[in-house]
Protein backbone atom coordinates (compact mmCIF):
# COMPACT_ATOMS: atom_id res chain seq x y z
CA MET A 1 53.64 40.79 -24.34
CA SER A 2 51.43 43.79 -23.50
CA GLY A 3 52.44 46.30 -20.50
CA ARG A 4 49.26 45.22 -18.82
CA ALA A 5 50.14 41.56 -19.16
CA TRP A 6 53.40 42.15 -17.63
CA GLY A 7 52.12 43.92 -14.81
CA VAL A 8 49.90 40.90 -14.19
CA LEU A 9 53.14 38.87 -14.30
CA PHE A 10 54.84 41.00 -11.86
CA VAL A 11 52.17 40.95 -9.26
CA LEU A 12 51.78 36.94 -9.49
CA CYS A 13 55.52 36.83 -9.22
CA GLY A 14 55.46 38.71 -6.16
CA ALA A 15 53.07 36.25 -4.61
CA ILE A 16 55.15 33.32 -5.17
CA PHE A 17 58.08 35.23 -4.06
CA LEU A 18 56.33 36.10 -0.90
CA GLU A 19 55.61 32.19 -0.40
CA GLY A 20 59.27 31.41 -0.94
CA ILE A 21 60.60 34.11 1.17
CA ASP A 22 58.13 33.22 4.13
CA VAL A 23 59.21 29.53 4.29
CA ALA A 24 62.98 30.43 3.92
CA MET A 25 63.03 33.12 6.62
CA LEU A 26 61.20 30.96 9.14
CA ASN A 27 63.65 28.01 8.45
CA VAL A 28 66.72 30.17 9.85
CA ALA A 29 64.69 31.86 12.60
CA LEU A 30 63.58 28.58 14.53
CA PRO A 31 66.53 28.45 16.98
CA SER A 32 65.68 32.14 18.04
CA ILE A 33 61.70 31.24 18.35
CA ARG A 34 62.53 28.23 20.51
CA GLU A 35 64.59 30.42 22.89
CA ASP A 36 62.05 33.22 23.20
CA LEU A 37 58.72 31.03 23.40
CA ASP A 38 60.37 28.15 25.24
CA MET A 39 59.48 25.36 22.94
CA SER A 40 60.41 21.83 22.94
CA THR A 41 61.76 20.26 19.88
CA GLY A 42 58.94 18.36 19.17
CA MET A 43 56.74 21.60 19.31
CA LEU A 44 59.19 23.74 17.52
CA GLN A 45 59.00 20.94 14.54
CA TRP A 46 55.11 21.63 14.32
CA VAL A 47 56.00 25.19 13.52
CA MET A 48 57.01 24.05 10.16
CA SER A 49 54.97 20.91 9.89
CA ALA A 50 51.74 22.73 10.40
CA TYR A 51 52.26 25.18 7.49
CA VAL A 52 53.21 22.00 5.33
CA LEU A 53 50.00 20.22 6.42
CA GLY A 54 47.82 23.45 5.49
CA TYR A 55 49.62 23.77 2.20
CA GLY A 56 50.10 20.18 0.87
CA GLY A 57 46.47 19.30 2.24
CA PHE A 58 44.36 22.03 1.08
CA MET A 59 46.36 22.69 -2.50
CA LEU A 60 43.97 20.39 -4.72
CA LEU A 61 40.80 21.76 -3.14
CA GLY A 62 42.43 25.20 -3.61
CA GLY A 63 43.05 24.59 -7.52
CA ARG A 64 39.60 23.48 -8.01
CA ALA A 65 38.18 26.68 -6.06
CA ALA A 66 40.14 28.78 -8.57
CA ASP A 67 38.25 27.16 -11.52
CA LEU A 68 34.87 27.30 -9.53
CA PHE A 69 34.82 30.66 -7.86
CA GLY A 70 36.99 32.74 -10.17
CA ARG A 71 40.88 33.08 -9.88
CA ARG A 72 41.02 36.64 -9.05
CA GLN A 73 38.51 36.36 -6.29
CA MET A 74 40.41 33.45 -4.91
CA PHE A 75 43.92 34.96 -5.30
CA VAL A 76 42.78 38.28 -3.53
CA PHE A 77 40.75 36.69 -0.97
CA TRP A 78 43.47 34.29 0.28
CA LEU A 79 46.13 36.85 -0.08
CA VAL A 80 44.46 38.93 2.63
CA VAL A 81 44.09 35.81 4.68
CA PHE A 82 47.96 34.82 4.25
CA LEU A 83 48.59 38.88 5.06
CA LEU A 84 46.65 38.63 8.32
CA PHE A 85 47.73 35.39 9.82
CA SER A 86 51.52 36.19 8.78
CA GLY A 87 51.09 39.06 11.20
CA LEU A 88 49.32 37.43 13.94
CA GLY A 89 52.16 34.69 13.90
CA GLY A 90 54.60 37.79 14.81
CA PHE A 91 52.37 38.58 17.75
CA ALA A 92 52.38 34.71 19.33
CA THR A 93 53.18 34.65 23.04
CA GLU A 94 52.56 30.98 23.14
CA GLY A 95 53.91 28.10 20.85
CA TRP A 96 50.57 26.98 20.00
CA MET A 97 49.25 30.41 18.90
CA LEU A 98 51.99 30.44 16.43
CA ILE A 99 51.47 26.85 15.26
CA VAL A 100 47.50 27.77 14.52
CA ALA A 101 48.68 30.86 12.72
CA ARG A 102 51.21 28.85 10.35
CA PHE A 103 48.67 25.99 9.53
CA VAL A 104 46.19 28.77 8.62
CA THR A 105 48.83 30.54 6.43
CA GLY A 106 49.54 27.39 4.96
CA VAL A 107 46.03 26.82 3.73
CA ALA A 108 45.82 30.50 2.34
CA ALA A 109 49.04 29.93 0.42
CA ALA A 110 47.31 26.56 -0.76
CA PHE A 111 44.44 28.42 -2.18
CA MET A 112 46.23 31.40 -3.36
CA THR A 113 49.37 29.60 -5.43
CA PRO A 114 47.14 27.59 -7.87
CA ALA A 115 44.91 30.68 -8.37
CA GLY A 116 48.11 32.54 -9.42
CA LEU A 117 49.43 29.90 -11.60
CA SER A 118 46.00 29.39 -13.42
CA ILE A 119 45.74 33.31 -14.00
CA ILE A 120 49.02 32.93 -15.81
CA THR A 121 48.20 29.88 -17.76
CA THR A 122 44.72 31.46 -18.58
CA SER A 123 46.10 34.89 -19.44
CA PHE A 124 48.88 33.77 -21.79
CA GLU A 125 48.60 31.80 -25.03
CA GLU A 126 49.89 28.01 -24.95
CA GLY A 127 53.35 28.54 -26.45
CA PRO A 128 56.57 30.78 -26.34
CA LYS A 129 54.43 33.48 -24.52
CA ARG A 130 53.15 31.29 -21.82
CA ASN A 131 56.47 29.50 -21.58
CA LYS A 132 58.43 32.48 -20.98
CA ALA A 133 55.98 33.78 -18.35
CA LEU A 134 56.13 30.50 -16.42
CA LEU A 135 60.05 30.39 -16.52
CA VAL A 136 60.18 33.94 -15.20
CA TYR A 137 57.33 32.95 -12.29
CA SER A 138 59.61 29.64 -11.43
CA GLY A 139 62.59 31.62 -11.29
CA THR A 140 61.02 34.20 -8.94
CA ALA A 141 59.88 31.37 -6.70
CA ALA A 142 63.54 29.97 -6.38
CA GLY A 143 64.83 33.51 -5.85
CA GLY A 144 62.42 34.13 -2.91
CA PHE A 145 63.61 30.96 -1.27
CA SER A 146 67.42 31.85 -1.73
CA ILE A 147 66.98 35.59 -0.67
CA GLY A 148 64.84 34.43 2.25
CA LEU A 149 67.60 32.51 3.55
CA VAL A 150 69.72 35.38 3.87
CA VAL A 151 66.97 38.12 4.83
CA GLY A 152 65.70 35.67 7.47
CA GLY A 153 69.21 35.43 9.20
CA LEU A 154 69.65 39.18 9.19
CA LEU A 155 65.70 39.95 10.67
CA ALA A 156 66.35 36.97 13.01
CA ALA A 157 69.40 38.73 14.42
CA VAL A 158 67.17 41.90 15.30
CA ASN A 159 63.93 40.03 16.36
CA TRP A 160 62.43 36.76 15.17
CA ARG A 161 59.05 38.43 15.12
CA TRP A 162 60.24 40.39 12.03
CA VAL A 163 60.29 37.28 10.09
CA PHE A 164 56.26 37.37 10.24
CA PHE A 165 55.98 41.02 10.01
CA ALA A 166 58.29 41.47 6.84
CA PRO A 167 55.81 39.51 4.89
CA VAL A 168 52.73 41.60 5.98
CA ILE A 169 54.43 44.58 4.18
CA LEU A 170 55.04 42.61 1.18
CA SER A 171 51.75 41.11 1.22
CA PHE A 172 50.12 44.58 1.43
CA LEU A 173 51.85 45.93 -1.47
CA ILE A 174 51.00 42.88 -3.81
CA LEU A 175 47.44 43.20 -2.71
CA VAL A 176 47.17 46.72 -3.77
CA THR A 177 49.12 45.97 -7.07
CA ALA A 178 46.80 43.01 -7.59
CA LEU A 179 43.57 45.09 -7.24
CA ALA A 180 44.88 47.51 -9.74
CA LEU A 181 46.23 45.34 -12.37
CA ILE A 182 44.80 41.81 -12.42
CA PRO A 183 41.62 42.32 -14.77
CA LYS A 184 38.14 41.58 -13.17
CA SER A 185 36.69 38.56 -15.01
CA ALA A 186 33.00 37.37 -14.84
CA ARG A 187 31.98 35.00 -12.12
CA PRO A 188 32.38 31.37 -13.58
CA ASP A 189 29.07 30.00 -14.69
CA ARG A 190 28.44 26.96 -12.31
CA LYS A 191 25.08 26.16 -13.53
CA GLY A 192 25.00 22.45 -13.23
CA GLN A 193 28.22 22.40 -11.46
CA PRO A 194 27.48 21.83 -7.85
CA VAL A 195 30.57 21.89 -5.29
CA ASP A 196 31.52 18.24 -4.89
CA LEU A 197 31.84 18.46 -0.86
CA GLY A 198 32.13 14.77 -0.56
CA GLY A 199 35.17 14.61 -2.84
CA ALA A 200 36.64 17.90 -1.31
CA ILE A 201 36.50 16.51 2.24
CA THR A 202 37.48 12.95 1.23
CA VAL A 203 40.70 13.94 -0.53
CA THR A 204 41.60 16.56 1.81
CA ALA A 205 41.58 14.50 4.67
CA ALA A 206 43.27 11.67 2.74
CA ILE A 207 46.22 14.33 1.72
CA LEU A 208 46.26 15.74 5.35
CA LEU A 209 46.63 12.38 6.82
CA LEU A 210 49.49 11.14 4.04
CA VAL A 211 51.39 14.30 4.74
CA TRP A 212 50.92 13.93 8.43
CA ALA A 213 52.38 10.49 8.27
CA VAL A 214 55.22 11.31 6.45
CA GLU A 215 55.93 14.26 8.53
CA ARG A 216 55.84 12.30 11.88
CA ALA A 217 57.45 9.28 10.51
CA THR A 218 60.57 9.81 12.38
CA HIS A 219 58.93 10.64 15.75
CA VAL A 220 56.54 7.72 16.16
CA THR A 221 56.25 4.07 15.71
CA ALA A 222 56.39 2.13 12.65
CA LEU A 223 52.96 0.70 13.12
CA TRP A 224 51.35 4.04 13.65
CA THR A 225 52.88 5.38 10.52
CA VAL A 226 51.66 2.23 8.38
CA GLY A 227 48.16 2.60 9.98
CA THR A 228 48.10 6.15 9.21
CA VAL A 229 49.07 5.55 5.49
CA ALA A 230 46.45 2.77 5.18
CA VAL A 231 43.69 5.05 6.40
CA SER A 232 44.92 7.66 3.91
CA LEU A 233 44.79 5.17 1.00
CA LEU A 234 41.26 4.20 1.88
CA LEU A 235 40.20 7.73 1.86
CA PHE A 236 41.78 8.09 -1.46
CA LEU A 237 39.91 5.09 -2.77
CA THR A 238 36.58 6.49 -1.47
CA PHE A 239 37.40 9.83 -3.22
CA THR A 240 37.90 7.77 -6.47
CA ALA A 241 34.55 6.12 -6.10
CA ILE A 242 33.16 9.39 -5.23
CA GLU A 243 34.57 11.24 -8.06
CA ARG A 244 33.31 8.31 -10.77
CA ARG A 245 29.70 9.02 -9.47
CA SER A 246 29.95 12.77 -9.29
CA ALA A 247 28.22 14.79 -12.04
CA SER A 248 30.69 17.79 -11.29
CA PRO A 249 33.79 15.98 -9.79
CA LEU A 250 36.46 17.89 -7.84
CA VAL A 251 39.21 16.17 -10.14
CA ARG A 252 37.95 14.84 -13.38
CA LEU A 253 39.74 11.41 -13.13
CA GLY A 254 40.20 11.49 -17.18
CA ILE A 255 42.69 14.27 -16.55
CA PHE A 256 45.00 11.40 -15.61
CA ARG A 257 44.90 9.93 -19.09
CA ASN A 258 47.33 12.83 -19.89
CA ALA A 259 50.70 11.13 -19.86
CA ALA A 260 52.71 14.14 -19.74
CA LEU A 261 50.71 15.53 -16.82
CA VAL A 262 51.28 12.14 -14.87
CA ARG A 263 54.90 11.93 -15.78
CA SER A 264 55.62 15.64 -14.80
CA ASN A 265 53.75 15.14 -11.54
CA ILE A 266 55.70 11.90 -10.46
CA ALA A 267 59.20 13.54 -11.46
CA GLY A 268 58.08 17.02 -9.71
CA LEU A 269 57.57 15.05 -6.52
CA LEU A 270 60.73 13.05 -6.70
CA PHE A 271 62.83 16.14 -7.82
CA ALA A 272 61.36 18.23 -4.84
CA ALA A 273 62.24 15.22 -2.46
CA GLY A 274 65.63 15.11 -3.45
CA PHE A 275 66.10 19.08 -3.69
CA PHE A 276 64.65 19.88 -0.15
CA GLY A 277 66.06 16.64 1.67
CA PHE A 278 69.84 17.55 0.11
CA GLN A 279 69.60 21.30 1.61
CA PHE A 280 68.44 19.74 4.97
CA ILE A 281 71.42 17.62 5.41
CA VAL A 282 73.75 20.32 3.96
CA VAL A 283 72.60 22.78 6.51
CA LEU A 284 72.65 20.31 9.60
CA TYR A 285 76.34 19.43 8.36
CA LEU A 286 77.15 23.16 8.01
CA GLN A 287 75.76 24.18 11.44
CA GLU A 288 76.02 21.09 13.64
CA LEU A 289 79.39 19.50 12.42
CA ARG A 290 81.24 22.29 10.98
CA ASN A 291 79.82 25.12 13.63
CA TRP A 292 79.03 27.66 10.88
CA SER A 293 76.64 30.45 12.09
CA THR A 294 73.36 30.98 10.27
CA LEU A 295 74.31 33.74 8.25
CA GLN A 296 77.43 31.92 7.22
CA THR A 297 75.26 29.06 6.24
CA SER A 298 72.81 31.37 4.36
CA PHE A 299 75.41 32.83 2.16
CA ALA A 300 77.10 29.53 1.38
CA MET A 301 73.41 28.25 0.23
CA ILE A 302 72.63 31.37 -1.65
CA VAL A 303 74.68 30.12 -4.57
CA ILE A 304 71.74 27.69 -5.38
CA GLY A 305 69.79 30.84 -6.24
CA ILE A 306 71.38 31.33 -9.59
CA ASP A 307 68.16 29.87 -11.00
CA ALA A 308 66.57 32.88 -10.28
CA ILE A 309 68.69 34.50 -12.91
CA LEU A 310 69.02 31.53 -15.32
CA SER A 311 65.33 30.57 -15.33
CA PRO A 312 63.97 33.53 -17.20
CA THR A 313 66.95 34.07 -19.36
CA LEU A 314 68.74 30.75 -20.18
CA THR A 315 65.99 28.34 -19.70
CA PRO A 316 63.52 29.84 -22.37
CA LYS A 317 66.21 29.52 -24.97
CA LEU A 318 67.00 26.06 -24.27
CA VAL A 319 63.29 25.12 -24.31
CA GLU A 320 62.59 26.85 -27.58
CA LYS A 321 65.63 24.83 -29.11
CA PHE A 322 65.38 21.38 -27.67
CA GLY A 323 61.98 21.26 -26.25
CA ASN A 324 60.54 20.92 -22.35
CA ALA A 325 61.32 17.22 -22.66
CA ARG A 326 64.93 17.31 -23.22
CA VAL A 327 65.65 20.28 -20.80
CA ILE A 328 63.83 18.68 -18.04
CA PHE A 329 66.03 15.27 -18.64
CA GLY A 330 69.15 17.50 -18.58
CA GLY A 331 68.19 19.30 -15.42
CA LEU A 332 67.38 15.87 -13.66
CA ILE A 333 70.77 14.41 -14.80
CA LEU A 334 72.43 17.76 -13.38
CA ALA A 335 70.56 17.16 -10.06
CA SER A 336 71.87 13.42 -9.78
CA LEU A 337 75.41 14.75 -10.60
CA SER A 338 75.14 17.50 -7.82
CA TYR A 339 74.01 14.99 -5.03
CA ALA A 340 76.75 12.42 -6.18
CA LEU A 341 79.29 15.09 -6.19
CA PHE A 342 78.41 16.04 -2.26
CA LEU A 343 78.17 12.20 -1.37
CA PRO A 344 81.86 11.59 -0.42
CA VAL A 345 81.66 14.79 1.97
CA GLN A 346 84.08 14.88 4.75
CA ALA A 347 84.68 16.84 7.78
CA ASP A 348 87.38 18.97 6.68
CA TRP A 349 85.94 20.17 3.35
CA THR A 350 86.51 23.58 2.23
CA TYR A 351 83.70 25.89 0.54
CA ALA A 352 85.69 25.51 -2.59
CA VAL A 353 85.15 21.52 -2.82
CA MET A 354 81.49 22.03 -1.78
CA PHE A 355 80.72 24.79 -4.47
CA PRO A 356 80.64 22.67 -7.52
CA SER A 357 77.85 20.62 -6.12
CA LEU A 358 75.76 23.84 -5.09
CA ILE A 359 76.11 25.56 -8.40
CA VAL A 360 75.13 22.61 -10.36
CA LEU A 361 72.20 22.18 -8.16
CA GLY A 362 71.13 25.68 -8.98
CA LEU A 363 71.55 24.91 -12.54
CA ALA A 364 69.56 21.78 -12.38
CA PHE A 365 66.64 23.58 -10.68
CA SER A 366 66.75 26.22 -13.57
CA LEU A 367 66.32 23.62 -16.04
CA ALA A 368 63.95 21.29 -14.43
CA TYR A 369 61.35 23.48 -12.39
CA GLY A 370 60.03 25.86 -14.86
CA PRO A 371 59.62 23.32 -17.62
CA LEU A 372 57.87 20.61 -15.26
CA THR A 373 55.54 23.39 -14.61
CA ILE A 374 54.81 23.99 -18.41
CA VAL A 375 54.40 20.23 -19.19
CA ALA A 376 51.94 19.89 -16.13
CA THR A 377 49.51 22.62 -17.50
CA GLU A 378 49.93 22.14 -21.35
CA GLY A 379 47.12 20.97 -23.30
CA ILE A 380 44.93 21.23 -20.33
CA ALA A 381 41.25 22.79 -20.77
CA GLU A 382 41.26 26.44 -19.42
CA GLU A 383 38.39 25.54 -17.10
CA GLU A 384 40.77 22.71 -15.52
CA GLN A 385 44.03 24.92 -15.10
CA GLY A 386 43.40 25.33 -11.49
CA VAL A 387 43.16 21.79 -10.71
CA ALA A 388 46.34 21.04 -13.05
CA GLY A 389 48.19 23.62 -11.10
CA GLY A 390 46.87 22.21 -7.50
CA LEU A 391 48.00 18.87 -8.60
CA LEU A 392 51.54 19.92 -9.49
CA TYR A 393 52.01 22.02 -6.31
CA THR A 394 50.42 19.09 -4.30
CA SER A 395 53.30 16.72 -5.67
CA PHE A 396 55.97 19.18 -5.11
CA GLN A 397 54.64 19.86 -1.34
CA PHE A 398 54.35 16.19 -0.71
CA GLY A 399 57.53 15.48 -2.46
CA ALA A 400 59.20 17.91 -0.01
CA ALA A 401 57.51 16.48 2.98
CA LEU A 402 58.79 12.85 1.90
CA GLY A 403 62.19 13.95 1.11
CA LEU A 404 62.79 15.83 4.53
CA SER A 405 61.20 12.96 6.33
CA SER A 406 63.21 10.22 4.53
CA VAL A 407 66.78 11.96 4.98
CA ALA A 408 65.82 12.46 8.53
CA ALA A 409 65.02 8.82 9.28
CA VAL A 410 68.15 7.75 7.72
CA ASN A 411 70.17 10.17 9.26
CA ILE A 412 68.83 9.01 12.70
CA ALA A 413 69.37 5.28 11.75
CA ALA A 414 72.99 5.64 10.57
CA THR A 415 74.11 7.83 13.52
CA ASP A 416 75.47 5.72 16.14
CA GLY A 417 76.73 8.43 18.38
CA SER A 418 77.48 12.28 18.88
CA SER A 419 81.03 12.32 17.57
CA PRO A 420 82.09 13.95 14.81
CA ALA A 421 82.99 10.82 12.56
CA GLU A 422 79.81 9.38 13.60
CA GLN A 423 77.75 12.52 12.67
CA LEU A 424 79.42 12.48 9.55
CA SER A 425 78.66 9.01 8.86
CA GLY A 426 74.74 9.86 9.42
CA TYR A 427 75.00 12.57 6.86
CA GLN A 428 76.71 10.60 4.18
CA ALA A 429 74.02 7.78 4.38
CA ALA A 430 71.32 10.20 4.28
CA LEU A 431 72.75 11.97 1.14
CA VAL A 432 72.05 8.81 -0.71
CA VAL A 433 68.31 9.67 -0.28
CA PRO A 434 68.30 12.56 -2.89
CA LEU A 435 70.66 10.89 -5.21
CA VAL A 436 68.32 7.92 -5.72
CA ALA A 437 65.40 10.37 -5.79
CA ALA A 438 67.10 12.12 -8.70
CA LEU A 439 67.94 9.32 -10.62
CA ILE A 440 64.37 7.74 -10.45
CA ALA A 441 63.08 10.87 -11.51
CA THR A 442 65.57 11.01 -14.61
CA VAL A 443 64.27 7.77 -15.61
CA ILE A 444 60.82 8.65 -15.51
CA SER A 445 61.46 11.97 -17.47
CA ALA A 446 63.36 9.88 -19.93
CA PHE A 447 59.91 8.47 -21.23
CA GLY A 448 59.07 12.09 -22.26
CA LEU A 449 61.84 12.00 -24.66
CA ARG A 450 60.28 9.13 -26.79
CA SER A 451 56.78 10.44 -26.64
CA ARG A 452 57.77 13.91 -27.76
CA ALA A 453 59.43 12.56 -30.78
CA ALA A 454 56.04 10.99 -31.87
CA ALA A 455 52.51 12.50 -32.21
CA PRO A 456 50.95 14.28 -29.16
CA GLU A 457 50.29 11.73 -26.59
CA VAL A 458 46.65 12.73 -25.72
CA ALA A 459 44.12 14.90 -27.82
CA PRO A 460 42.36 17.59 -25.94
CA GLU A 461 39.12 16.05 -23.98
CA ALA A 462 35.94 17.76 -23.26
CA PRO A 463 35.95 18.23 -19.28
CA ALA A 464 32.93 15.53 -18.92
CA PRO A 465 33.09 13.37 -15.83
CA VAL A 466 34.42 9.64 -16.20
CA ARG A 467 32.14 7.02 -14.96
C-alpha cells in the first residue's frame, strides 16, 4: 500500500479506536458519575442506554448518508459533532444533561463509523490489500476497548470528567489529520436519487424502539416489552413496503440476496451478544462477589485485548491460507470454548484459573471480528458500501444490547438472595447465555464452509430497486 493509503488507514483506525475507548472508559467511570451527580441506578443506566439508542438506532441511516452525501464529508462532519458533545458531557451538572450528550454522541458515532468503514472498502481494492486494511482496522477497534478499561480507571481516579475531555483531545488530533490525509472526492451524483425520507424515518424509529425494548426488558413488565417489540416489527414491515415502492430506497432489498452478507450479519449479532454479555457478568463477578477494585478488574480483563496484536499479524495469514469462512468458524468455536471454560466458575477461583478463558476469548475475537467485516462488505457495489457497513454495525450494536439485557435478565431471575452462594448461582446461570449465542453463531457460520467450496453464491447485481 502507498504511504497516502496507510495515512488514510491510520486516520480511520484512530476514529474507531476513539469510539472503542470512549465506551470502555465510561463503563468504569459510572460509579464516580453516580456519586458526583447524585443519580439513581435507573437514571445511571440511561447514561449507557442513551448512547446505545443513538448508535444502534441511526447506524443504518448513517451508512446510507455516507453513500448519498459523500463519505469524507459525513466522516468529518460527524467527527466534529462527536468532539463537541463528548466535551459537553464533561461539563454536565445534572444527570439529564449527560444523558442528552451521550445520545447525540451515539448518533454521531452512528454516522461516523460506517462512513469510515466505507472509505476503507472503497479505497483498497477487494482482495488481500482490503483484507489487511480491515483486519488492522478491527484490531484497532478491539485495542481501543481494552485500553479504555485501564485508561478509564486511571482518569476516573483523578476526576470522572476527564473521561469525556480526553476523547475531545484525541478527536481534535484525528480531525486535523483527516482533513490533511483523506482525499477530497466529488460529491456523489444524486440525480434521480431523492432521499428516502419515509424509509429513513420508519426504519430509524423501528430500530430505536427495538433497541429500547431490549435495553429496558429487565426494568419493565413483559407486556410492555412485547408491545414495544410488536410496534417495532410493524414499523419494519412498513419500511419494507416503502422500500419496495421507492425509486431510490434507503436499503435496496435485493442486497439481502447475498447469502454471505446475511450470514455474517446474523453471526455478528450473536457473536456481539455473547462477547458483551460475557464481559458484563465477569465484571460483576469480580467486583461484586470478589470485591476487586475497578483497576484490578480492568487489568484482569485487558488480556482479551490480545486481539489488537493478533488481528493485523496472525489473522491475515490465516485468512490467506484458509479463507474467511474457515477462520470465522474457528473463531466462533474458540468463543464457545472460552464461555464453556468459565461456566463452572467458583467463588474462590484464582486469576490463573480464569486466565485460559479470557485469553481464548481474545484469540476468538481476533479470528472472528475482522473476517466477519470482510465477508459483510465483500462483493458489494461501491455505491452500497456505506449501507453494508451500516447493516453490519447495526447487527453488532443490537447484538451487544441483546446480550447485555439477556444476561442481566437471567442473572436477576436466577439470584434468590444476596448471599455469595446465591450471587454465584445467578452468575453461573447467566453465563449460559453467551455460550448458547456462540454455539448458534457457530452453526450458522458452518453454512459458509459449504458455500465457499462451491461457486460464488451471488453474482454482483446492479443496484436497482426491488419491486
